[in-house]
Amino acid sequence: SRVRKNLHIILCFSPVGDVMRQRCRKFPGLINCTEIDWFHPWPRDALQSVSERFIANMPVFEARPELLPKVSSHMAEVHLSV
């Protein structure tokens, strides 16, 4: 019981792509009672790239693709400002 109480495990995953999402679906215990720490700030271009990837298939951007870079840039700015 002492080992169980003091055992800590550290897992590192990249949040980019489908691999982390698939692992979390297969093993929900990875996200239950878990603390997520972001150790390094993300560069603006990385934040914008990730946001573009996640919102690109939304119907509003299919109708008006010129909005995609503006919205993803805004999302990156919001993330950097908090």
PDB file of N, CA and C in Angstrom:
ATOM      1  N   SER A   1       0.826  -1.198   0.000  1.00  0.00           N
ATOM      2  CA  SER A   1       0.000   0.000   0.000  1.00  0.00           C
ATOM      3  C   SER A   1       0.868   1.259   0.000  1.00  0.00           C
ATOM      4  N   ARG A   2       2.045   1.180   0.605  1.00  0.00           N
ATOM      5  CA  ARG A   2       2.944   2.334   0.603  1.00  0.00           C
ATOM      6  C   ARG A   2       3.434   2.649  -0.806  1.00  0.00           C
ATOM      7  N   VAL A   3       3.728   1.613  -1.579  1.00  0.00           N
ATOM      8  CA  VAL A   3       4.163   1.804  -2.964  1.00  0.00           C
ATOM      9  C   VAL A   3       3.040   2.423  -3.786  1.00  0.00           C
ATOM     10  N   ARG A   4       1.840   1.908  -3.640  1.00  0.00           N
ATOM     11  CA  ARG A   4       0.697   2.433  -4.386  1.00  0.00           C
ATOM     12  C   ARG A   4       0.469   3.908  -4.054  1.00  0.00           C
ATOM     13  N   LYS A   5       0.633   4.271  -2.798  1.00  0.00           N
ATOM     14  CA  LYS A   5       0.408   5.645  -2.373  1.00  0.00           C
ATOM     15  C   LYS A   5       1.467   6.589  -2.945  1.00  0.00           C
ATOM     16  N   ASN A   6       2.683   6.122  -3.088  1.00  0.00           N
ATOM     17  CA  ASN A   6       3.792   6.976  -3.510  1.00  0.00           C
ATOM     18  C   ASN A   6       4.210   6.812  -4.968  1.00  0.00           C
ATOM     19  N   LEU A   7       3.563   5.938  -5.694  1.00  0.00           N
ATOM     20  CA  LEU A   7       3.941   5.709  -7.092  1.00  0.00           C
ATOM     21  C   LEU A   7       3.406   6.835  -7.974  1.00  0.00           C
ATOM     22  N   HIS A   8       4.281   7.419  -8.742  1.00  0.00           N
ATOM     23  CA  HIS A   8       3.909   8.470  -9.689  1.00  0.00           C
ATOM     24  C   HIS A   8       4.450   8.079 -11.061  1.00  0.00           C
ATOM     25  N   ILE A   9       3.647   8.268 -12.063  1.00  0.00           N
ATOM     26  CA  ILE A   9       4.053   7.934 -13.428  1.00  0.00           C
ATOM     27  C   ILE A   9       3.919   9.186 -14.278  1.00  0.00           C
ATOM     28  N   ILE A  10       4.912   9.426 -15.096  1.00  0.00           N
ATOM     29  CA  ILE A  10       4.892  10.582 -15.983  1.00  0.00           C
ATOM     30  C   ILE A  10       4.840  10.073 -17.415  1.00  0.00           C
ATOM     31  N   LEU A  11       3.834  10.534 -18.156  1.00  0.00           N
ATOM     32  CA  LEU A  11       3.700  10.214 -19.569  1.00  0.00           C
ATOM     33  C   LEU A  11       3.787  11.505 -20.362  1.00  0.00           C
ATOM     34  N   CYS A  12       4.468  11.467 -21.474  1.00  0.00           N
ATOM     35  CA  CYS A  12       4.579  12.648 -22.328  1.00  0.00           C
ATOM     36  C   CYS A  12       4.003  12.315 -23.698  1.00  0.00           C
ATOM     37  N   PHE A  13       3.051  13.122 -24.124  1.00  0.00           N
ATOM     38  CA  PHE A  13       2.425  12.956 -25.427  1.00  0.00           C
ATOM     39  C   PHE A  13       2.414  14.292 -26.141  1.00  0.00           C
ATOM     40  N   SER A  14       2.536  14.240 -27.435  1.00  0.00           N
ATOM     41  CA  SER A  14       2.337  15.441 -28.237  1.00  0.00           C
ATOM     42  C   SER A  14       0.842  15.617 -28.445  1.00  0.00           C
ATOM     43  N   PRO A  15       0.316  16.816 -28.228  1.00  0.00           N
ATOM     44  CA  PRO A  15      -1.115  17.034 -28.433  1.00  0.00           C
ATOM     45  C   PRO A  15      -1.501  17.191 -29.894  1.00  0.00           C
ATOM     46  N   VAL A  16      -0.518  17.184 -30.786  1.00  0.00           N
ATOM     47  CA  VAL A  16      -0.786  17.377 -32.208  1.00  0.00           C
ATOM     48  C   VAL A  16      -1.054  16.031 -32.864  1.00  0.00           C
ATOM     49  N   GLY A  17      -2.093  15.961 -33.654  1.00  0.00           N
ATOM     50  CA  GLY A  17      -2.397  14.748 -34.400  1.00  0.00           C
ATOM     51  C   GLY A  17      -3.427  13.874 -33.713  1.00  0.00           C
ATOM     52  N   ASP A  18      -3.639  12.713 -34.287  1.00  0.00           N
ATOM     53  CA  ASP A  18      -4.685  11.808 -33.818  1.00  0.00           C
ATOM     54  C   ASP A  18      -4.209  10.805 -32.770  1.00  0.00           C
ATOM     55  N   VAL A  19      -2.915  10.646 -32.596  1.00  0.00           N
ATOM     56  CA  VAL A  19      -2.393   9.601 -31.715  1.00  0.00           C
ATOM     57  C   VAL A  19      -2.842   9.798 -30.276  1.00  0.00           C
ATOM     58  N   MET A  20      -2.726  11.016 -29.765  1.00  0.00           N
ATOM     59  CA  MET A  20      -3.124  11.257 -28.371  1.00  0.00           C
ATOM     60  C   MET A  20      -4.623  11.022 -28.203  1.00  0.00           C
ATOM     61  N   ARG A  21      -5.429  11.505 -29.143  1.00  0.00           N
ATOM     62  CA  ARG A  21      -6.880  11.321 -29.052  1.00  0.00           C
ATOM     63  C   ARG A  21      -7.236   9.833 -29.063  1.00  0.00           C
ATOM     64  N   GLN A  22      -6.570   9.048 -29.909  1.00  0.00           N
ATOM     65  CA  GLN A  22      -6.838   7.609 -29.962  1.00  0.00           C
ATOM     66  C   GLN A  22      -6.449   6.928 -28.659  1.00  0.00           C
ATOM     67  N   ARG A  23      -5.320   7.306 -28.100  1.00  0.00           N
ATOM     68  CA  ARG A  23      -4.888   6.704 -26.827  1.00  0.00           C
ATOM     69  C   ARG A  23      -5.851   7.048 -25.700  1.00  0.00           C
ATOM     70  N   CYS A  24      -6.337   8.278 -25.682  1.00  0.00           N
ATOM     71  CA  CYS A  24      -7.276   8.688 -24.626  1.00  0.00           C
ATOM     72  C   CYS A  24      -8.610   7.963 -24.757  1.00  0.00           C
ATOM     73  N   ARG A  25      -9.014   7.665 -25.981  1.00  0.00           N
ATOM     74  CA  ARG A  25     -10.252   6.903 -26.168  1.00  0.00           C
ATOM     75  C   ARG A  25     -10.064   5.451 -25.750  1.00  0.00           C
ATOM     76  N   LYS A  26      -8.904   4.880 -26.047  1.00  0.00           N
ATOM     77  CA  LYS A  26      -8.648   3.481 -25.670  1.00  0.00           C
ATOM     78  C   LYS A  26      -8.450   3.334 -24.165  1.00  0.00           C
ATOM     79  N   PHE A  27      -7.815   4.322 -23.562  1.00  0.00           N
ATOM     80  CA  PHE A  27      -7.460   4.253 -22.151  1.00  0.00           C
ATOM     81  C   PHE A  27      -7.950   5.520 -21.440  1.00  0.00           C
ATOM     82  N   PRO A  28      -9.232   5.580 -21.092  1.00  0.00           N
ATOM     83  CA  PRO A  28      -9.769   6.802 -20.481  1.00  0.00           C
ATOM     84  C   PRO A  28      -9.104   7.162 -19.150  1.00  0.00           C
ATOM     85  N   GLY A  29      -8.474   6.208 -18.524  1.00  0.00           N
ATOM     86  CA  GLY A  29      -7.761   6.498 -17.285  1.00  0.00           C
ATOM     87  C   GLY A  29      -6.602   7.463 -17.488  1.00  0.00           C
ATOM     88  N   LEU A  30      -6.148   7.634 -18.735  1.00  0.00           N
ATOM     89  CA  LEU A  30      -5.073   8.593 -19.004  1.00  0.00           C
ATOM     90  C   LEU A  30      -5.505  10.022 -18.720  1.00  0.00           C
ATOM     91  N   ILE A  31      -6.795  10.297 -18.855  1.00  0.00           N
ATOM     92  CA  ILE A  31      -7.241  11.673 -18.657  1.00  0.00           C
ATOM     93  C   ILE A  31      -8.061  11.860 -17.390  1.00  0.00           C
ATOM     94  N   ASN A  32      -8.526  10.785 -16.788  1.00  0.00           N
ATOM     95  CA  ASN A  32      -9.256  10.902 -15.522  1.00  0.00           C
ATOM     96  C   ASN A  32      -8.253  11.130 -14.402  1.00  0.00           C
ATOM     97  N   CYS A  33      -8.515  12.097 -13.565  1.00  0.00           N
ATOM     98  CA  CYS A  33      -7.644  12.414 -12.422  1.00  0.00           C
ATOM     99  C   CYS A  33      -6.204  12.660 -12.863  1.00  0.00           C
ATOM    100  N   THR A  34      -6.050  13.352 -13.964  1.00  0.00           N
ATOM    101  CA  THR A  34      -4.727  13.620 -14.519  1.00  0.00           C
ATOM    102  C   THR A  34      -4.472  15.113 -14.535  1.00  0.00           C
ATOM    103  N   GLU A  35      -3.258  15.486 -14.279  1.00  0.00           N
ATOM    104  CA  GLU A  35      -2.870  16.887 -14.371  1.00  0.00           C
ATOM    105  C   GLU A  35      -2.060  17.073 -15.636  1.00  0.00           C
ATOM    106  N   ILE A  36      -2.422  18.065 -16.409  1.00  0.00           N
ATOM    107  CA  ILE A  36      -1.706  18.351 -17.649  1.00  0.00           C
ATOM    108  C   ILE A  36      -0.891  19.611 -17.438  1.00  0.00           C
ATOM    109  N   ASP A  37       0.392  19.515 -17.687  1.00  0.00           N
ATOM    110  CA  ASP A  37       1.297  20.663 -17.569  1.00  0.00           C
ATOM    111  C   ASP A  37       1.894  20.969 -18.930  1.00  0.00           C
ATOM    112  N   TRP A  38       1.789  22.223 -19.338  1.00  0.00           N
ATOM    113  CA  TRP A  38       2.454  22.681 -20.556  1.00  0.00           C
ATOM    114  C   TRP A  38       3.739  23.354 -20.081  1.00  0.00           C
ATOM    115  N   PHE A  39       4.867  22.760 -20.389  1.00  0.00           N
ATOM    116  CA  PHE A  39       6.125  23.255 -19.851  1.00  0.00           C
ATOM    117  C   PHE A  39       6.738  24.382 -20.652  1.00  0.00           C
ATOM    118  N   HIS A  40       6.469  24.427 -21.929  1.00  0.00           N
ATOM    119  CA  HIS A  40       7.063  25.448 -22.776  1.00  0.00           C
ATOM    120  C   HIS A  40       5.969  26.163 -23.553  1.00  0.00           C
ATOM    121  N   PRO A  41       6.106  27.453 -23.733  1.00  0.00           N
ATOM    122  CA  PRO A  41       5.121  28.164 -24.538  1.00  0.00           C
ATOM    123  C   PRO A  41       5.210  27.724 -25.997  1.00  0.00           C
ATOM    124  N   TRP A  42       4.066  27.726 -26.644  1.00  0.00           N
ATOM    125  CA  TRP A  42       4.029  27.354 -28.057  1.00  0.00           C
ATOM    126  C   TRP A  42       4.276  28.583 -28.908  1.00  0.00           C
ATOM    127  N   PRO A  43       5.001  28.447 -30.009  1.00  0.00           N
ATOM    128  CA  PRO A  43       5.150  29.568 -30.931  1.00  0.00           C
ATOM    129  C   PRO A  43       3.821  29.856 -31.641  1.00  0.00           C
ATOM    130  N   ARG A  44       3.633  31.094 -32.031  1.00  0.00           N
ATOM    131  CA  ARG A  44       2.396  31.520 -32.673  1.00  0.00           C
ATOM    132  C   ARG A  44       2.071  30.677 -33.915  1.00  0.00           C
ATOM    133  N   ASP A  45       3.070  30.403 -34.753  1.00  0.00           N
ATOM    134  CA  ASP A  45       2.785  29.642 -35.973  1.00  0.00           C
ATOM    135  C   ASP A  45       2.328  28.217 -35.675  1.00  0.00           C
ATOM    136  N   ALA A  46       2.833  27.621 -34.603  1.00  0.00           N
ATOM    137  CA  ALA A  46       2.382  26.275 -34.223  1.00  0.00           C
ATOM    138  C   ALA A  46       0.937  26.314 -33.734  1.00  0.00           C
ATOM    139  N   LEU A  47       0.602  27.313 -32.915  1.00  0.00           N
ATOM    140  CA  LEU A  47      -0.778  27.458 -32.440  1.00  0.00           C
ATOM    141  C   LEU A  47      -1.734  27.686 -33.597  1.00  0.00           C
ATOM    142  N   GLN A  48      -1.325  28.505 -34.543  1.00  0.00           N
ATOM    143  CA  GLN A  48      -2.185  28.790 -35.696  1.00  0.00           C
ATOM    144  C   GLN A  48      -2.341  27.549 -36.562  1.00  0.00           C
ATOM    145  N   SER A  49      -1.290  26.792 -36.742  1.00  0.00           N
ATOM    146  CA  SER A  49      -1.360  25.572 -37.547  1.00  0.00           C
ATOM    147  C   SER A  49      -2.305  24.543 -36.928  1.00  0.00           C
ATOM    148  N   VAL A  50      -2.204  24.366 -35.619  1.00  0.00           N
ATOM    149  CA  VAL A  50      -3.080  23.413 -34.935  1.00  0.00           C
ATOM    150  C   VAL A  50      -4.534  23.873 -35.006  1.00  0.00           C
ATOM    151  N   SER A  51      -4.781  25.146 -34.786  1.00  0.00           N
ATOM    152  CA  SER A  51      -6.161  25.628 -34.842  1.00  0.00           C
ATOM    153  C   SER A  51      -6.730  25.503 -36.254  1.00  0.00           C
ATOM    154  N   GLU A  52      -5.930  25.779 -37.265  1.00  0.00           N
ATOM    155  CA  GLU A  52      -6.406  25.615 -38.643  1.00  0.00           C
ATOM    156  C   GLU A  52      -6.788  24.167 -38.916  1.00  0.00           C
ATOM    157  N   ARG A  53      -5.991  23.256 -38.431  1.00  0.00           N
ATOM    158  CA  ARG A  53      -6.269  21.834 -38.669  1.00  0.00           C
ATOM    159  C   ARG A  53      -7.595  21.414 -38.038  1.00  0.00           C
ATOM    160  N   PHE A  54      -7.861  21.919 -36.833  1.00  0.00           N
ATOM    161  CA  PHE A  54      -9.065  21.493 -36.130  1.00  0.00           C
ATOM    162  C   PHE A  54     -10.341  22.174 -36.615  1.00  0.00           C
ATOM    163  N   ILE A  55     -10.237  23.367 -37.170  1.00  0.00           N
ATOM    164  CA  ILE A  55     -11.449  24.062 -37.581  1.00  0.00           C
ATOM    165  C   ILE A  55     -11.667  24.080 -39.096  1.00  0.00           C
ATOM    166  N   ALA A  56     -10.733  23.562 -39.862  1.00  0.00           N
ATOM    167  CA  ALA A  56     -10.809  23.648 -41.321  1.00  0.00           C
ATOM    168  C   ALA A  56     -12.055  22.977 -41.904  1.00  0.00           C
ATOM    169  N   ASN A  57     -12.542  21.923 -41.285  1.00  0.00           N
ATOM    170  CA  ASN A  57     -13.686  21.192 -41.844  1.00  0.00           C
ATOM    171  C   ASN A  57     -15.039  21.720 -41.372  1.00  0.00           C
ATOM    172  N   MET A  58     -15.050  22.818 -40.662  1.00  0.00           N
ATOM    173  CA  MET A  58     -16.325  23.394 -40.224  1.00  0.00           C
ATOM    174  C   MET A  58     -17.041  24.002 -41.438  1.00  0.00           C
ATOM    175  N   PRO A  59     -18.356  23.855 -41.488  1.00  0.00           N
ATOM    176  CA  PRO A  59     -19.106  24.335 -42.657  1.00  0.00           C
ATOM    177  C   PRO A  59     -18.899  25.821 -42.969  1.00  0.00           C
ATOM    178  N   VAL A  60     -18.727  26.639 -41.960  1.00  0.00           N
ATOM    179  CA  VAL A  60     -18.557  28.069 -42.214  1.00  0.00           C
ATOM    180  C   VAL A  60     -17.315  28.340 -43.061  1.00  0.00           C
ATOM    181  N   PHE A  61     -16.277  27.543 -42.884  1.00  0.00           N
ATOM    182  CA  PHE A  61     -15.044  27.758 -43.633  1.00  0.00           C
ATOM    183  C   PHE A  61     -15.104  27.138 -45.022  1.00  0.00           C
ATOM    184  N   GLU A  62     -15.968  26.174 -45.217  1.00  0.00           N
ATOM    185  CA  GLU A  62     -16.184  25.649 -46.568  1.00  0.00           C
ATOM    186  C   GLU A  62     -16.905  26.697 -47.411  1.00  0.00           C
ATOM    187  N   ALA A  63     -17.817  27.431 -46.777  1.00  0.00           N
ATOM    188  CA  ALA A  63     -18.546  28.482 -47.486  1.00  0.00           C
ATOM    189  C   ALA A  63     -17.691  29.738 -47.673  1.00  0.00           C
ATOM    190  N   ARG A  64     -16.867  30.044 -46.684  1.00  0.00           N
ATOM    191  CA  ARG A  64     -16.035  31.257 -46.742  1.00  0.00           C
ATOM    192  C   ARG A  64     -14.609  30.933 -46.309  1.00  0.00           C
ATOM    193  N   PRO A  65     -13.816  30.312 -47.182  1.00  0.00           N
ATOM    194  CA  PRO A  65     -12.459  29.885 -46.808  1.00  0.00           C
ATOM    195  C   PRO A  65     -11.515  31.034 -46.452  1.00  0.00           C
ATOM    196  N   GLU A  66     -11.824  32.252 -46.872  1.00  0.00           N
ATOM    197  CA  GLU A  66     -10.950  33.383 -46.548  1.00  0.00           C
ATOM    198  C   GLU A  66     -10.965  33.713 -45.057  1.00  0.00           C
ATOM    199  N   LEU A  67     -11.961  33.199 -44.329  1.00  0.00           N
ATOM    200  CA  LEU A  67     -12.033  33.444 -42.886  1.00  0.00           C
ATOM    201  C   LEU A  67     -11.104  32.532 -42.079  1.00  0.00           C
ATOM    202  N   LEU A  68     -10.719  31.404 -42.635  1.00  0.00           N
ATOM    203  CA  LEU A  68      -9.930  30.419 -41.885  1.00  0.00           C
ATOM    204  C   LEU A  68      -8.640  31.000 -41.314  1.00  0.00           C
ATOM    205  N   PRO A  69      -7.789  31.649 -42.106  1.00  0.00           N
ATOM    206  CA  PRO A  69      -6.552  32.184 -41.500  1.00  0.00           C
ATOM    207  C   PRO A  69      -6.810  33.270 -40.459  1.00  0.00           C
ATOM    208  N   LYS A  70      -7.864  34.046 -40.652  1.00  0.00           N
ATOM    209  CA  LYS A  70      -8.164  35.115 -39.690  1.00  0.00           C
ATOM    210  C   LYS A  70      -8.631  34.537 -38.355  1.00  0.00           C
ATOM    211  N   VAL A  71      -9.507  33.546 -38.409  1.00  0.00           N
ATOM    212  CA  VAL A  71     -10.013  32.943 -37.174  1.00  0.00           C
ATOM    213  C   VAL A  71      -8.911  32.168 -36.460  1.00  0.00           C
ATOM    214  N   SER A  72      -8.115  31.422 -37.205  1.00  0.00           N
ATOM    215  CA  SER A  72      -7.038  30.655 -36.560  1.00  0.00           C
ATOM    216  C   SER A  72      -5.986  31.592 -35.967  1.00  0.00           C
ATOM    217  N   SER A  73      -5.740  32.713 -36.617  1.00  0.00           N
ATOM    218  CA  SER A  73      -4.815  33.702 -36.061  1.00  0.00           C
ATOM    219  C   SER A  73      -5.377  34.283 -34.760  1.00  0.00           C
ATOM    220  N   HIS A  74      -6.673  34.549 -34.748  1.00  0.00           N
ATOM    221  CA  HIS A  74      -7.316  35.051 -33.524  1.00  0.00           C
ATOM    222  C   HIS A  74      -7.229  34.020 -32.398  1.00  0.00           C
ATOM    223  N   MET A  75      -7.441  32.747 -32.723  1.00  0.00           N
ATOM    224  CA  MET A  75      -7.364  31.689 -31.703  1.00  0.00           C
ATOM    225  C   MET A  75      -5.956  31.623 -31.113  1.00  0.00           C
ATOM    226  N   ALA A  76      -4.937  31.756 -31.968  1.00  0.00           N
ATOM    227  CA  ALA A  76      -3.562  31.748 -31.481  1.00  0.00           C
ATOM    228  C   ALA A  76      -3.316  32.944 -30.573  1.00  0.00           C
ATOM    229  N   GLU A  77      -3.810  34.108 -30.968  1.00  0.00           N
ATOM    230  CA  GLU A  77      -3.650  35.310 -30.155  1.00  0.00           C
ATOM    231  C   GLU A  77      -4.310  35.180 -28.792  1.00  0.00           C
ATOM    232  N   VAL A  78      -5.512  34.627 -28.765  1.00  0.00           N
ATOM    233  CA  VAL A  78      -6.211  34.425 -27.488  1.00  0.00           C
ATOM    234  C   VAL A  78      -5.415  33.496 -26.595  1.00  0.00           C
ATOM    235  N   HIS A  79      -4.880  32.417 -27.156  1.00  0.00           N
ATOM    236  CA  HIS A  79      -4.097  31.470 -26.367  1.00  0.00           C
ATOM    237  C   HIS A  79      -2.843  32.134 -25.789  1.00  0.00           C
ATOM    238  N   LEU A  80      -2.204  32.977 -26.579  1.00  0.00           N
ATOM    239  CA  LEU A  80      -0.983  33.613 -26.118  1.00  0.00           C
ATOM    240  C   LEU A  80      -1.245  34.713 -25.096  1.00  0.00           C
ATOM    241  N   SER A  81      -2.454  35.249 -25.084  1.00  0.00           N
ATOM    242  CA  SER A  81      -2.725  36.385 -24.206  1.00  0.00           C
ATOM    243  C   SER A  81      -3.185  35.989 -22.808  1.00  0.00           C
ATOM    244  N   VAL A  82      -3.488  34.712 -22.572  1.00  0.00           N
ATOM    245  CA  VAL A  82      -3.936  34.301 -21.243  1.00  0.00           C
ATOM    246  C   VAL A  82      -2.817  33.693 -20.439  1.00  0.00           C
TER     247      VAL A  82
END
